[in-house]
Structures are given as structure tokens and as C-alpha cells.
Amino acid sequence: MKKFTTLVLQGLLMGAVAATIMSCNNANNENAAEEPAAKASSKEAPSYKIAYVLIDTLTSQYQKCKDLEEEFTKKRANAESTIQAKGKSFTAQLQDFNRKYQSNQFTQQQFEAEQVRLQKLQQDLQDLEARLSNSLQEEYQKEFQALTDTIQNFTKSYAKEKGYDFILCKSSGIDNVLYANEAYDVTDEVVKALNKRYSKDAPKKEEKKK
């Protein structure tokens, strides 16, 4: 799931940062419109302040992302354990049914009733597996979207605070940046700021659970 998490988060963050870039660009356009006409007519190329974030590093070092991954790894393991336990029980009952059938311990009526019961038990097991899988997926997507929104909102405020016109995403899986000077890498600063804010919010969430 970790690989899936990273890939999905990368895709979502690409969209998040694109929105941030558009927002910053609009702000710059508005500011440019307010400048004197003489300055607007200048032939000099506009200068932009640009930075980039390594998404692979962010997803591996942002504590909220790691906590989310750990939480759903445990939930998935619990769901699988539940299905395996019920599956073993069903297998044992099926084997017992076959043993009794081979040794002619059933009347025709008992055979048919037991066959129906086992078919229903098998269907119930399949339904339970589907419900648990769908429930986990829906919950994961909800929490994951909240995580993405957090990073998107932070990126926007961070860009405004630091005066960046663009903050690009750079990663090993989805990389639209062909070259980037490491001097413009703000990943560590962004991760530290996100973790600092998350550590302040975490105790509040624990209190709510109580």
C-alpha cells in the first residue's frame, strides 16, 4: 500500500500545486495591473521566484502521512485476520460435510439442508470480505483527501509567506521537471514546518478520542 500511497499522493499533489501556482500567478497578474503604465511597458522579461519540493521525500518524512499509512496497514491486517479466521472455520465445516457425505451419514434431507447452509455461509463470507474492503477503501480515500488538502493549503500559505511565484513538484515517479538546481529545493523546510504544525494538532485529536 505504501507504493500506492506515494503514487496517488504524487498525483494529487501535482494538482494541488498546480492550483497554488495559478493562485500565485493570478496574484502576480493583479499586482502587475496596478503598476504604472511606464513600468508595464518595460521590455524586460519578468523575474519569478521559484522553488521545488521532492514529493518522495515529503511522503516518507511527513509524520501525518506516515501515521496514516501505519493506521491503515493495521486496519487492513485486522480485516484480513477476520476473513482468514472465518475462512478457516468455513473450510473446516466444508471438510466435515464432505467426510460425512463420503461415509453416508446424511439423509437426503440433511444433505440438502447442510448444502444450503454451507452455500449461504460461503456467500456471507464473500459479502463480508467485499464490505470490509470497500469500507477500508472509502475511509482511506477520505483521510487521504484530507491529507492532500492539508498539504495543498500549506503550500499556498508557504508560497505567499516566502514570496514564491512557483513551487514545483519533483519526484522519481511523476516528474515534469527535467532539471532543478538543488539550491531551490525547499523540501526539508516544508517537511519541518508541516511536522511542526502536525505535532501541535496531534494532542488535540487524541483528546477528542477520549
N, C-alpha and C. Protein backbone atom coordinates (compact mmCIF):
# COMPACT_ATOMS: atom_id res chain seq x y z
N MET A 1 0.82 -1.20 0.00
CA MET A 1 0.00 0.00 0.00
C MET A 1 0.85 1.25 0.00
N LYS A 2 2.09 1.15 0.56
CA LYS A 2 2.94 2.32 0.64
C LYS A 2 3.26 2.86 -0.74
N LYS A 3 3.56 1.94 -1.70
CA LYS A 3 3.85 2.39 -3.06
C LYS A 3 2.63 3.05 -3.66
N PHE A 4 1.46 2.46 -3.42
CA PHE A 4 0.21 3.03 -3.92
C PHE A 4 -0.01 4.42 -3.32
N THR A 5 0.24 4.54 -2.02
CA THR A 5 0.06 5.82 -1.33
C THR A 5 0.92 6.89 -1.96
N THR A 6 2.19 6.55 -2.17
CA THR A 6 3.11 7.53 -2.73
C THR A 6 2.67 7.97 -4.11
N LEU A 7 2.29 7.02 -4.96
CA LEU A 7 1.90 7.35 -6.32
C LEU A 7 0.64 8.21 -6.36
N VAL A 8 -0.35 7.84 -5.56
CA VAL A 8 -1.61 8.60 -5.53
C VAL A 8 -1.36 9.99 -4.97
N LEU A 9 -0.59 10.07 -3.89
CA LEU A 9 -0.31 11.37 -3.29
C LEU A 9 0.44 12.26 -4.25
N GLN A 10 1.36 11.67 -5.02
CA GLN A 10 2.10 12.45 -6.00
C GLN A 10 1.15 13.05 -7.03
N GLY A 11 0.21 12.22 -7.52
CA GLY A 11 -0.74 12.71 -8.50
C GLY A 11 -1.62 13.81 -7.95
N LEU A 12 -2.11 13.62 -6.72
CA LEU A 12 -2.97 14.62 -6.11
C LEU A 12 -2.22 15.91 -5.83
N LEU A 13 -0.98 15.78 -5.40
CA LEU A 13 -0.19 16.97 -5.09
C LEU A 13 0.17 17.74 -6.34
N MET A 14 0.33 17.04 -7.45
CA MET A 14 0.58 17.73 -8.71
C MET A 14 -0.57 18.70 -8.99
N GLY A 15 -1.80 18.20 -8.79
CA GLY A 15 -2.96 19.05 -8.99
C GLY A 15 -3.04 20.16 -7.96
N ALA A 16 -2.67 19.82 -6.72
CA ALA A 16 -2.71 20.81 -5.64
C ALA A 16 -1.73 21.94 -5.90
N VAL A 17 -0.52 21.58 -6.31
CA VAL A 17 0.49 22.60 -6.56
C VAL A 17 0.15 23.40 -7.80
N ALA A 18 -0.47 22.74 -8.77
CA ALA A 18 -0.90 23.47 -9.97
C ALA A 18 -1.89 24.56 -9.60
N ALA A 19 -2.81 24.23 -8.69
CA ALA A 19 -3.79 25.21 -8.22
C ALA A 19 -3.09 26.35 -7.49
N THR A 20 -2.08 26.00 -6.71
CA THR A 20 -1.32 27.02 -5.97
C THR A 20 -0.61 27.95 -6.93
N ILE A 21 -0.01 27.35 -7.96
CA ILE A 21 0.71 28.15 -8.96
C ILE A 21 -0.24 29.12 -9.63
N MET A 22 -1.44 28.64 -10.00
CA MET A 22 -2.42 29.50 -10.65
C MET A 22 -2.82 30.64 -9.73
N SER A 23 -3.00 30.32 -8.44
CA SER A 23 -3.37 31.33 -7.46
C SER A 23 -2.31 32.40 -7.35
N CYS A 24 -1.04 31.96 -7.24
CA CYS A 24 0.07 32.91 -7.14
C CYS A 24 0.21 33.72 -8.42
N ASN A 25 0.00 33.04 -9.54
CA ASN A 25 0.10 33.72 -10.82
C ASN A 25 -0.97 34.81 -10.95
N ASN A 26 -2.19 34.48 -10.52
CA ASN A 26 -3.27 35.46 -10.58
C ASN A 26 -2.95 36.67 -9.72
N ALA A 27 -2.36 36.38 -8.54
CA ALA A 27 -2.00 37.48 -7.65
C ALA A 27 -0.94 38.36 -8.30
N ASN A 28 0.00 37.72 -8.98
CA ASN A 28 1.05 38.50 -9.65
C ASN A 28 0.47 39.32 -10.79
N ASN A 29 -0.49 38.73 -11.49
CA ASN A 29 -1.12 39.46 -12.60
C ASN A 29 -1.88 40.67 -12.10
N GLU A 30 -2.56 40.51 -10.94
CA GLU A 30 -3.29 41.62 -10.36
C GLU A 30 -2.34 42.73 -9.93
N ASN A 31 -1.22 42.33 -9.33
CA ASN A 31 -0.25 43.32 -8.90
C ASN A 31 0.35 44.04 -10.09
N ALA A 32 0.56 43.27 -11.17
CA ALA A 32 1.13 43.87 -12.36
C ALA A 32 0.19 44.89 -12.97
N ALA A 33 -1.10 44.61 -12.88
CA ALA A 33 -2.09 45.52 -13.45
C ALA A 33 -2.13 46.84 -12.71
N GLU A 34 -1.76 46.83 -11.43
CA GLU A 34 -1.80 48.04 -10.62
C GLU A 34 -0.55 48.89 -10.77
N GLU A 35 0.51 48.36 -11.42
CA GLU A 35 1.75 49.10 -11.58
C GLU A 35 1.57 50.20 -12.62
N PRO A 36 2.38 51.23 -12.57
CA PRO A 36 2.32 52.33 -13.55
C PRO A 36 2.46 51.83 -14.96
N ALA A 37 1.86 52.55 -15.88
CA ALA A 37 1.88 52.15 -17.28
C ALA A 37 3.30 52.11 -17.82
N ALA A 38 4.12 53.01 -17.35
CA ALA A 38 5.50 53.07 -17.84
C ALA A 38 6.24 51.79 -17.51
N LYS A 39 5.99 51.26 -16.30
CA LYS A 39 6.64 50.03 -15.88
C LYS A 39 6.07 48.84 -16.62
N ALA A 40 4.79 48.86 -16.89
CA ALA A 40 4.12 47.77 -17.59
C ALA A 40 4.62 47.65 -19.02
N SER A 41 5.07 48.75 -19.57
CA SER A 41 5.52 48.72 -20.95
C SER A 41 6.98 48.34 -21.09
N SER A 42 7.63 48.05 -19.97
CA SER A 42 9.03 47.68 -19.99
C SER A 42 9.23 46.40 -20.80
N LYS A 43 10.33 46.35 -21.56
CA LYS A 43 10.61 45.19 -22.38
C LYS A 43 11.38 44.11 -21.62
N GLU A 44 11.73 44.40 -20.37
CA GLU A 44 12.48 43.42 -19.59
C GLU A 44 11.60 42.21 -19.26
N ALA A 45 12.20 41.03 -19.34
CA ALA A 45 11.45 39.81 -19.02
C ALA A 45 11.15 39.77 -17.53
N PRO A 46 9.95 39.35 -17.14
CA PRO A 46 9.59 39.29 -15.71
C PRO A 46 10.43 38.25 -14.99
N SER A 47 10.75 38.50 -13.75
CA SER A 47 11.52 37.55 -12.95
C SER A 47 10.59 36.88 -11.95
N TYR A 48 10.80 35.60 -11.74
CA TYR A 48 9.96 34.84 -10.83
C TYR A 48 10.82 34.16 -9.77
N LYS A 49 10.24 34.01 -8.59
CA LYS A 49 10.92 33.30 -7.52
C LYS A 49 10.35 31.87 -7.52
N ILE A 50 11.22 30.90 -7.77
CA ILE A 50 10.77 29.52 -7.94
C ILE A 50 11.45 28.59 -6.94
N ALA A 51 10.70 27.61 -6.45
CA ALA A 51 11.24 26.57 -5.58
C ALA A 51 10.59 25.25 -5.98
N TYR A 52 11.12 24.16 -5.46
CA TYR A 52 10.50 22.86 -5.75
C TYR A 52 10.55 21.98 -4.51
N VAL A 53 9.64 20.99 -4.50
CA VAL A 53 9.54 20.04 -3.39
C VAL A 53 9.68 18.63 -3.94
N LEU A 54 10.52 17.83 -3.28
CA LEU A 54 10.67 16.41 -3.65
C LEU A 54 9.54 15.63 -2.98
N ILE A 55 8.59 15.19 -3.77
CA ILE A 55 7.40 14.53 -3.22
C ILE A 55 7.74 13.20 -2.55
N ASP A 56 8.69 12.47 -3.11
CA ASP A 56 9.09 11.19 -2.49
C ASP A 56 9.56 11.41 -1.06
N THR A 57 10.36 12.47 -0.88
CA THR A 57 10.88 12.78 0.45
C THR A 57 9.78 13.26 1.38
N LEU A 58 8.89 14.08 0.85
CA LEU A 58 7.80 14.60 1.67
C LEU A 58 6.91 13.47 2.19
N THR A 59 6.55 12.53 1.32
CA THR A 59 5.65 11.45 1.74
C THR A 59 6.32 10.48 2.71
N SER A 60 7.65 10.41 2.66
CA SER A 60 8.36 9.49 3.56
C SER A 60 8.72 10.13 4.89
N GLN A 61 8.72 11.47 4.94
CA GLN A 61 9.15 12.16 6.16
C GLN A 61 8.05 12.95 6.86
N TYR A 62 6.95 13.20 6.18
CA TYR A 62 5.84 13.92 6.80
C TYR A 62 5.13 12.96 7.75
N GLN A 63 5.13 13.28 9.04
CA GLN A 63 4.64 12.36 10.06
C GLN A 63 3.16 12.02 9.87
N LYS A 64 2.38 12.96 9.42
CA LYS A 64 0.95 12.69 9.23
C LYS A 64 0.74 11.64 8.15
N CYS A 65 1.56 11.69 7.12
CA CYS A 65 1.49 10.71 6.04
C CYS A 65 1.90 9.33 6.56
N LYS A 66 2.96 9.30 7.37
CA LYS A 66 3.42 8.03 7.95
C LYS A 66 2.39 7.46 8.92
N ASP A 67 1.76 8.32 9.71
CA ASP A 67 0.73 7.86 10.65
C ASP A 67 -0.47 7.28 9.91
N LEU A 68 -0.85 7.93 8.82
CA LEU A 68 -1.98 7.45 8.02
C LEU A 68 -1.66 6.08 7.43
N GLU A 69 -0.45 5.93 6.92
CA GLU A 69 -0.03 4.66 6.34
C GLU A 69 -0.03 3.55 7.40
N GLU A 70 0.49 3.87 8.58
CA GLU A 70 0.55 2.88 9.66
C GLU A 70 -0.85 2.50 10.14
N GLU A 71 -1.71 3.49 10.26
CA GLU A 71 -3.08 3.24 10.73
C GLU A 71 -3.82 2.29 9.81
N PHE A 72 -3.71 2.53 8.50
CA PHE A 72 -4.46 1.69 7.56
C PHE A 72 -3.77 0.35 7.31
N THR A 73 -2.48 0.27 7.57
CA THR A 73 -1.81 -1.03 7.49
C THR A 73 -2.37 -1.94 8.58
N LYS A 74 -2.56 -1.37 9.78
CA LYS A 74 -3.13 -2.14 10.90
C LYS A 74 -4.59 -2.52 10.62
N LYS A 75 -5.35 -1.58 10.09
CA LYS A 75 -6.76 -1.86 9.80
C LYS A 75 -6.89 -2.93 8.72
N ARG A 76 -6.01 -2.86 7.73
CA ARG A 76 -6.05 -3.88 6.67
C ARG A 76 -5.69 -5.24 7.23
N ALA A 77 -4.69 -5.26 8.13
CA ALA A 77 -4.25 -6.52 8.74
C ALA A 77 -5.37 -7.12 9.59
N ASN A 78 -6.10 -6.27 10.32
CA ASN A 78 -7.22 -6.74 11.15
C ASN A 78 -8.33 -7.32 10.28
N ALA A 79 -8.61 -6.65 9.18
CA ALA A 79 -9.66 -7.12 8.27
C ALA A 79 -9.26 -8.47 7.66
N GLU A 80 -8.00 -8.58 7.26
CA GLU A 80 -7.52 -9.84 6.68
C GLU A 80 -7.55 -10.96 7.71
N SER A 81 -7.23 -10.62 8.97
CA SER A 81 -7.25 -11.62 10.04
C SER A 81 -8.67 -12.14 10.28
N THR A 82 -9.63 -11.21 10.23
CA THR A 82 -11.03 -11.59 10.41
C THR A 82 -11.49 -12.53 9.31
N ILE A 83 -11.14 -12.19 8.07
CA ILE A 83 -11.54 -13.01 6.92
C ILE A 83 -10.86 -14.38 6.97
N GLN A 84 -9.59 -14.41 7.35
CA GLN A 84 -8.87 -15.68 7.42
C GLN A 84 -9.45 -16.60 8.48
N ALA A 85 -9.82 -16.03 9.63
CA ALA A 85 -10.40 -16.83 10.72
C ALA A 85 -11.72 -17.44 10.28
N LYS A 86 -12.56 -16.62 9.65
CA LYS A 86 -13.86 -17.12 9.18
C LYS A 86 -13.67 -18.10 8.03
N GLY A 87 -12.65 -17.86 7.22
CA GLY A 87 -12.36 -18.75 6.10
C GLY A 87 -11.92 -20.13 6.59
N LYS A 88 -11.12 -20.15 7.64
CA LYS A 88 -10.68 -21.43 8.22
C LYS A 88 -11.86 -22.20 8.80
N SER A 89 -12.75 -21.45 9.45
CA SER A 89 -13.94 -22.08 10.02
C SER A 89 -14.81 -22.69 8.92
N PHE A 90 -14.96 -21.94 7.83
CA PHE A 90 -15.76 -22.44 6.71
C PHE A 90 -15.11 -23.68 6.09
N THR A 91 -13.79 -23.65 5.93
CA THR A 91 -13.06 -24.79 5.35
C THR A 91 -13.23 -26.03 6.21
N ALA A 92 -13.15 -25.84 7.54
CA ALA A 92 -13.31 -26.97 8.46
C ALA A 92 -14.71 -27.57 8.35
N GLN A 93 -15.72 -26.71 8.26
CA GLN A 93 -17.10 -27.19 8.15
C GLN A 93 -17.33 -27.89 6.81
N LEU A 94 -16.69 -27.37 5.77
CA LEU A 94 -16.82 -27.98 4.45
C LEU A 94 -16.17 -29.37 4.42
N GLN A 95 -15.02 -29.47 5.06
CA GLN A 95 -14.34 -30.77 5.13
C GLN A 95 -15.16 -31.78 5.94
N ASP A 96 -15.78 -31.30 7.01
CA ASP A 96 -16.62 -32.17 7.82
C ASP A 96 -17.84 -32.63 7.02
N PHE A 97 -18.38 -31.73 6.23
CA PHE A 97 -19.52 -32.05 5.37
C PHE A 97 -19.13 -33.14 4.37
N ASN A 98 -17.98 -32.98 3.73
CA ASN A 98 -17.52 -33.97 2.75
C ASN A 98 -17.25 -35.33 3.40
N ARG A 99 -16.69 -35.29 4.59
CA ARG A 99 -16.39 -36.54 5.31
C ARG A 99 -17.68 -37.29 5.62
N LYS A 100 -18.67 -36.58 6.12
CA LYS A 100 -19.95 -37.21 6.45
C LYS A 100 -20.66 -37.70 5.20
N TYR A 101 -20.50 -36.92 4.10
CA TYR A 101 -21.14 -37.33 2.85
C TYR A 101 -20.50 -38.63 2.32
N GLN A 102 -19.18 -38.71 2.40
CA GLN A 102 -18.47 -39.90 1.91
C GLN A 102 -18.81 -41.14 2.74
N SER A 103 -19.09 -40.92 4.01
CA SER A 103 -19.39 -42.07 4.88
C SER A 103 -20.90 -42.30 5.04
N ASN A 104 -21.69 -41.62 4.17
CA ASN A 104 -23.14 -41.81 4.13
C ASN A 104 -23.82 -41.54 5.49
N GLN A 105 -23.41 -40.46 6.14
CA GLN A 105 -24.01 -40.13 7.44
C GLN A 105 -25.20 -39.19 7.30
N PHE A 106 -25.50 -38.76 6.06
CA PHE A 106 -26.61 -37.84 5.85
C PHE A 106 -27.82 -38.56 5.26
N THR A 107 -28.97 -38.14 5.70
CA THR A 107 -30.18 -38.49 4.96
C THR A 107 -30.24 -37.49 3.81
N GLN A 108 -31.09 -37.71 2.85
CA GLN A 108 -31.20 -36.80 1.71
C GLN A 108 -31.58 -35.40 2.19
N GLN A 109 -32.53 -35.36 3.16
CA GLN A 109 -32.98 -34.07 3.68
C GLN A 109 -31.85 -33.34 4.42
N GLN A 110 -31.07 -34.07 5.21
CA GLN A 110 -29.96 -33.47 5.94
C GLN A 110 -28.88 -32.97 4.97
N PHE A 111 -28.64 -33.75 3.96
CA PHE A 111 -27.63 -33.38 2.95
C PHE A 111 -28.00 -32.07 2.28
N GLU A 112 -29.24 -31.96 1.85
CA GLU A 112 -29.68 -30.75 1.15
C GLU A 112 -29.67 -29.54 2.07
N ALA A 113 -30.10 -29.72 3.32
CA ALA A 113 -30.13 -28.61 4.27
C ALA A 113 -28.71 -28.12 4.58
N GLU A 114 -27.79 -29.06 4.76
CA GLU A 114 -26.41 -28.70 5.07
C GLU A 114 -25.73 -28.04 3.87
N GLN A 115 -26.09 -28.51 2.70
CA GLN A 115 -25.54 -27.94 1.48
C GLN A 115 -25.98 -26.47 1.33
N VAL A 116 -27.24 -26.22 1.60
CA VAL A 116 -27.77 -24.85 1.53
C VAL A 116 -27.09 -23.96 2.57
N ARG A 117 -26.92 -24.51 3.78
CA ARG A 117 -26.30 -23.74 4.86
C ARG A 117 -24.86 -23.34 4.51
N LEU A 118 -24.12 -24.29 3.95
CA LEU A 118 -22.73 -24.01 3.60
C LEU A 118 -22.63 -23.02 2.44
N GLN A 119 -23.55 -23.11 1.50
CA GLN A 119 -23.56 -22.16 0.38
C GLN A 119 -23.82 -20.74 0.89
N LYS A 120 -24.75 -20.64 1.84
CA LYS A 120 -25.06 -19.33 2.43
C LYS A 120 -23.86 -18.81 3.23
N LEU A 121 -23.21 -19.71 3.95
CA LEU A 121 -22.05 -19.34 4.75
C LEU A 121 -20.92 -18.82 3.84
N GLN A 122 -20.74 -19.48 2.71
CA GLN A 122 -19.73 -19.06 1.76
C GLN A 122 -20.07 -17.68 1.17
N GLN A 123 -21.35 -17.48 0.85
CA GLN A 123 -21.78 -16.19 0.30
C GLN A 123 -21.61 -15.08 1.34
N ASP A 124 -21.96 -15.40 2.59
CA ASP A 124 -21.81 -14.41 3.67
C ASP A 124 -20.34 -14.02 3.85
N LEU A 125 -19.45 -14.98 3.71
CA LEU A 125 -18.02 -14.72 3.84
C LEU A 125 -17.54 -13.82 2.70
N GLN A 126 -18.00 -14.07 1.51
CA GLN A 126 -17.63 -13.25 0.36
C GLN A 126 -18.18 -11.83 0.50
N ASP A 127 -19.42 -11.73 1.00
CA ASP A 127 -20.03 -10.41 1.21
C ASP A 127 -19.27 -9.62 2.28
N LEU A 128 -18.87 -10.31 3.34
CA LEU A 128 -18.13 -9.65 4.42
C LEU A 128 -16.79 -9.14 3.90
N GLU A 129 -16.12 -9.94 3.11
CA GLU A 129 -14.83 -9.53 2.54
C GLU A 129 -14.98 -8.29 1.67
N ALA A 130 -16.05 -8.26 0.87
CA ALA A 130 -16.31 -7.11 0.00
C ALA A 130 -16.63 -5.87 0.82
N ARG A 131 -17.44 -6.03 1.88
CA ARG A 131 -17.82 -4.88 2.72
C ARG A 131 -16.60 -4.29 3.43
N LEU A 132 -15.77 -5.17 3.98
CA LEU A 132 -14.58 -4.69 4.68
C LEU A 132 -13.63 -3.98 3.72
N SER A 133 -13.47 -4.53 2.52
CA SER A 133 -12.58 -3.94 1.53
C SER A 133 -13.09 -2.57 1.09
N ASN A 134 -14.40 -2.48 0.80
CA ASN A 134 -14.99 -1.22 0.35
C ASN A 134 -14.95 -0.17 1.46
N SER A 135 -15.23 -0.61 2.68
CA SER A 135 -15.22 0.32 3.82
C SER A 135 -13.83 0.90 4.04
N LEU A 136 -12.82 0.03 3.98
CA LEU A 136 -11.44 0.50 4.14
C LEU A 136 -11.04 1.45 3.02
N GLN A 137 -11.44 1.12 1.82
CA GLN A 137 -11.09 1.96 0.67
C GLN A 137 -11.73 3.34 0.78
N GLU A 138 -13.01 3.38 1.15
CA GLU A 138 -13.71 4.65 1.29
C GLU A 138 -13.10 5.50 2.41
N GLU A 139 -12.80 4.85 3.53
CA GLU A 139 -12.21 5.57 4.66
C GLU A 139 -10.82 6.08 4.30
N TYR A 140 -10.07 5.25 3.60
CA TYR A 140 -8.71 5.63 3.21
C TYR A 140 -8.74 6.83 2.26
N GLN A 141 -9.64 6.80 1.29
CA GLN A 141 -9.74 7.90 0.33
C GLN A 141 -10.13 9.20 1.02
N LYS A 142 -11.03 9.10 2.00
CA LYS A 142 -11.46 10.28 2.75
C LYS A 142 -10.30 10.88 3.53
N GLU A 143 -9.57 10.04 4.26
CA GLU A 143 -8.43 10.51 5.05
C GLU A 143 -7.31 11.00 4.14
N PHE A 144 -7.14 10.33 3.03
CA PHE A 144 -6.09 10.70 2.09
C PHE A 144 -6.37 12.05 1.45
N GLN A 145 -7.64 12.31 1.15
CA GLN A 145 -8.02 13.60 0.58
C GLN A 145 -7.79 14.72 1.59
N ALA A 146 -8.09 14.44 2.86
CA ALA A 146 -7.85 15.42 3.92
C ALA A 146 -6.36 15.73 4.02
N LEU A 147 -5.54 14.69 3.89
CA LEU A 147 -4.08 14.86 3.92
C LEU A 147 -3.62 15.73 2.76
N THR A 148 -4.16 15.47 1.58
CA THR A 148 -3.80 16.24 0.39
C THR A 148 -4.22 17.70 0.54
N ASP A 149 -5.41 17.93 1.09
CA ASP A 149 -5.89 19.29 1.31
C ASP A 149 -4.98 20.04 2.27
N THR A 150 -4.52 19.33 3.30
CA THR A 150 -3.61 19.95 4.27
C THR A 150 -2.34 20.43 3.59
N ILE A 151 -1.75 19.56 2.76
CA ILE A 151 -0.52 19.92 2.07
C ILE A 151 -0.76 21.03 1.06
N GLN A 152 -1.89 20.97 0.38
CA GLN A 152 -2.21 22.00 -0.60
C GLN A 152 -2.36 23.36 0.07
N ASN A 153 -3.12 23.40 1.16
CA ASN A 153 -3.33 24.66 1.85
C ASN A 153 -2.02 25.21 2.42
N PHE A 154 -1.19 24.29 2.95
CA PHE A 154 0.09 24.73 3.49
C PHE A 154 0.99 25.27 2.38
N THR A 155 1.01 24.57 1.23
CA THR A 155 1.85 25.02 0.11
C THR A 155 1.46 26.42 -0.34
N LYS A 156 0.17 26.69 -0.36
CA LYS A 156 -0.31 28.00 -0.78
C LYS A 156 0.13 29.08 0.21
N SER A 157 -0.05 28.83 1.50
CA SER A 157 0.35 29.82 2.51
C SER A 157 1.87 29.96 2.56
N TYR A 158 2.57 28.85 2.37
CA TYR A 158 4.04 28.87 2.38
C TYR A 158 4.57 29.71 1.21
N ALA A 159 3.97 29.53 0.04
CA ALA A 159 4.40 30.28 -1.14
C ALA A 159 4.19 31.79 -0.93
N LYS A 160 3.05 32.15 -0.35
CA LYS A 160 2.77 33.57 -0.11
C LYS A 160 3.74 34.14 0.94
N GLU A 161 3.97 33.36 1.99
CA GLU A 161 4.85 33.83 3.07
C GLU A 161 6.28 34.04 2.58
N LYS A 162 6.77 33.11 1.75
CA LYS A 162 8.14 33.18 1.28
C LYS A 162 8.29 33.98 -0.02
N GLY A 163 7.17 34.39 -0.59
CA GLY A 163 7.23 35.19 -1.81
C GLY A 163 7.52 34.40 -3.07
N TYR A 164 7.15 33.10 -3.07
CA TYR A 164 7.39 32.28 -4.26
C TYR A 164 6.26 32.45 -5.27
N ASP A 165 6.65 32.56 -6.53
CA ASP A 165 5.67 32.61 -7.61
C ASP A 165 5.31 31.20 -8.08
N PHE A 166 6.27 30.29 -7.96
CA PHE A 166 6.04 28.90 -8.36
C PHE A 166 6.69 27.95 -7.34
N ILE A 167 5.98 26.88 -7.00
CA ILE A 167 6.56 25.78 -6.25
C ILE A 167 6.27 24.51 -7.04
N LEU A 168 7.31 23.92 -7.56
CA LEU A 168 7.16 22.76 -8.45
C LEU A 168 7.25 21.46 -7.68
N CYS A 169 6.66 20.42 -8.27
CA CYS A 169 6.76 19.06 -7.71
C CYS A 169 7.83 18.30 -8.48
N LYS A 170 8.70 17.62 -7.74
CA LYS A 170 9.72 16.79 -8.39
C LYS A 170 9.74 15.44 -7.69
N SER A 171 9.68 14.38 -8.48
CA SER A 171 9.66 13.04 -7.90
C SER A 171 10.24 12.04 -8.89
N SER A 172 10.49 10.83 -8.39
CA SER A 172 11.04 9.80 -9.25
C SER A 172 9.97 9.17 -10.14
N GLY A 173 8.72 9.18 -9.68
CA GLY A 173 7.65 8.53 -10.42
C GLY A 173 6.95 9.44 -11.41
N ILE A 174 6.63 10.67 -10.97
CA ILE A 174 5.92 11.62 -11.83
C ILE A 174 6.75 12.90 -11.81
N ASP A 175 7.55 13.11 -12.86
CA ASP A 175 8.50 14.21 -12.83
C ASP A 175 8.42 15.03 -14.11
N ASN A 176 7.86 16.24 -13.99
CA ASN A 176 7.80 17.14 -15.13
C ASN A 176 8.97 18.12 -15.13
N VAL A 177 9.83 18.03 -14.13
CA VAL A 177 10.98 18.92 -14.03
C VAL A 177 12.20 18.18 -14.58
N LEU A 178 12.69 18.60 -15.73
CA LEU A 178 13.83 17.93 -16.35
C LEU A 178 15.12 18.23 -15.62
N TYR A 179 15.22 19.44 -15.07
CA TYR A 179 16.41 19.80 -14.32
C TYR A 179 16.01 20.80 -13.23
N ALA A 180 16.64 20.66 -12.07
CA ALA A 180 16.38 21.60 -10.97
C ALA A 180 17.65 21.79 -10.16
N ASN A 181 18.05 23.03 -9.99
CA ASN A 181 19.21 23.35 -9.17
C ASN A 181 18.85 23.07 -7.71
N GLU A 182 19.69 22.33 -7.01
CA GLU A 182 19.40 21.95 -5.62
C GLU A 182 19.28 23.16 -4.69
N ALA A 183 19.77 24.29 -5.13
CA ALA A 183 19.67 25.50 -4.31
C ALA A 183 18.22 25.92 -4.10
N TYR A 184 17.33 25.46 -4.99
CA TYR A 184 15.92 25.84 -4.91
C TYR A 184 15.06 24.75 -4.28
N ASP A 185 15.70 23.74 -3.70
CA ASP A 185 14.99 22.65 -3.04
C ASP A 185 14.56 23.10 -1.63
N VAL A 186 13.25 23.22 -1.42
CA VAL A 186 12.74 23.66 -0.11
C VAL A 186 12.02 22.51 0.61
N THR A 187 12.30 21.28 0.18
CA THR A 187 11.61 20.12 0.75
C THR A 187 11.77 20.03 2.26
N ASP A 188 13.01 20.10 2.73
CA ASP A 188 13.26 19.96 4.17
C ASP A 188 12.52 21.02 4.99
N GLU A 189 12.54 22.24 4.47
CA GLU A 189 11.85 23.33 5.18
C GLU A 189 10.35 23.09 5.24
N VAL A 190 9.78 22.61 4.13
CA VAL A 190 8.34 22.34 4.07
C VAL A 190 7.98 21.18 4.99
N VAL A 191 8.78 20.11 4.96
CA VAL A 191 8.51 18.95 5.81
C VAL A 191 8.59 19.32 7.29
N LYS A 192 9.62 20.08 7.66
CA LYS A 192 9.77 20.50 9.06
C LYS A 192 8.58 21.34 9.52
N ALA A 193 8.14 22.25 8.66
CA ALA A 193 7.00 23.11 9.00
C ALA A 193 5.71 22.30 9.13
N LEU A 194 5.50 21.35 8.21
CA LEU A 194 4.32 20.50 8.26
C LEU A 194 4.32 19.64 9.52
N ASN A 195 5.47 19.05 9.83
CA ASN A 195 5.57 18.20 11.03
C ASN A 195 5.39 19.00 12.31
N LYS A 196 5.90 20.21 12.32
CA LYS A 196 5.76 21.07 13.49
C LYS A 196 4.29 21.39 13.74
N ARG A 197 3.58 21.72 12.68
CA ARG A 197 2.16 22.03 12.83
C ARG A 197 1.35 20.78 13.18
N TYR A 198 1.73 19.65 12.59
CA TYR A 198 1.02 18.40 12.87
C TYR A 198 1.22 17.96 14.31
N SER A 199 2.43 18.13 14.84
CA SER A 199 2.71 17.73 16.23
C SER A 199 1.89 18.56 17.21
N LYS A 200 1.55 19.78 16.84
CA LYS A 200 0.72 20.62 17.71
C LYS A 200 -0.74 20.19 17.66
N ASP A 201 -1.17 19.72 16.49
CA ASP A 201 -2.57 19.31 16.34
C ASP A 201 -2.83 17.91 16.86
N ALA A 202 -1.81 17.05 16.85
CA ALA A 202 -1.98 15.64 17.23
C ALA A 202 -2.55 15.46 18.64
N PRO A 203 -2.04 16.18 19.68
CA PRO A 203 -2.59 16.00 21.03
C PRO A 203 -4.08 16.33 21.11
N LYS A 204 -4.51 17.31 20.34
CA LYS A 204 -5.92 17.69 20.33
C LYS A 204 -6.78 16.54 19.81
N LYS A 205 -6.28 15.83 18.80
CA LYS A 205 -7.03 14.71 18.24
C LYS A 205 -7.11 13.56 19.22
N GLU A 206 -6.03 13.35 19.99
CA GLU A 206 -6.02 12.28 20.98
C GLU A 206 -7.04 12.56 22.08
N GLU A 207 -7.16 13.85 22.47
CA GLU A 207 -8.11 14.23 23.50
C GLU A 207 -9.54 14.00 23.05
N LYS A 208 -9.81 14.27 21.75
CA LYS A 208 -11.15 14.07 21.22
C LYS A 208 -11.54 12.61 21.24
N LYS A 209 -10.56 11.72 21.00
CA LYS A 209 -10.83 10.27 21.00
C LYS A 209 -11.26 9.81 22.39
N LYS A 210 -10.69 10.44 23.44
CA LYS A 210 -11.03 10.06 24.81
C LYS A 210 -12.46 10.48 25.12
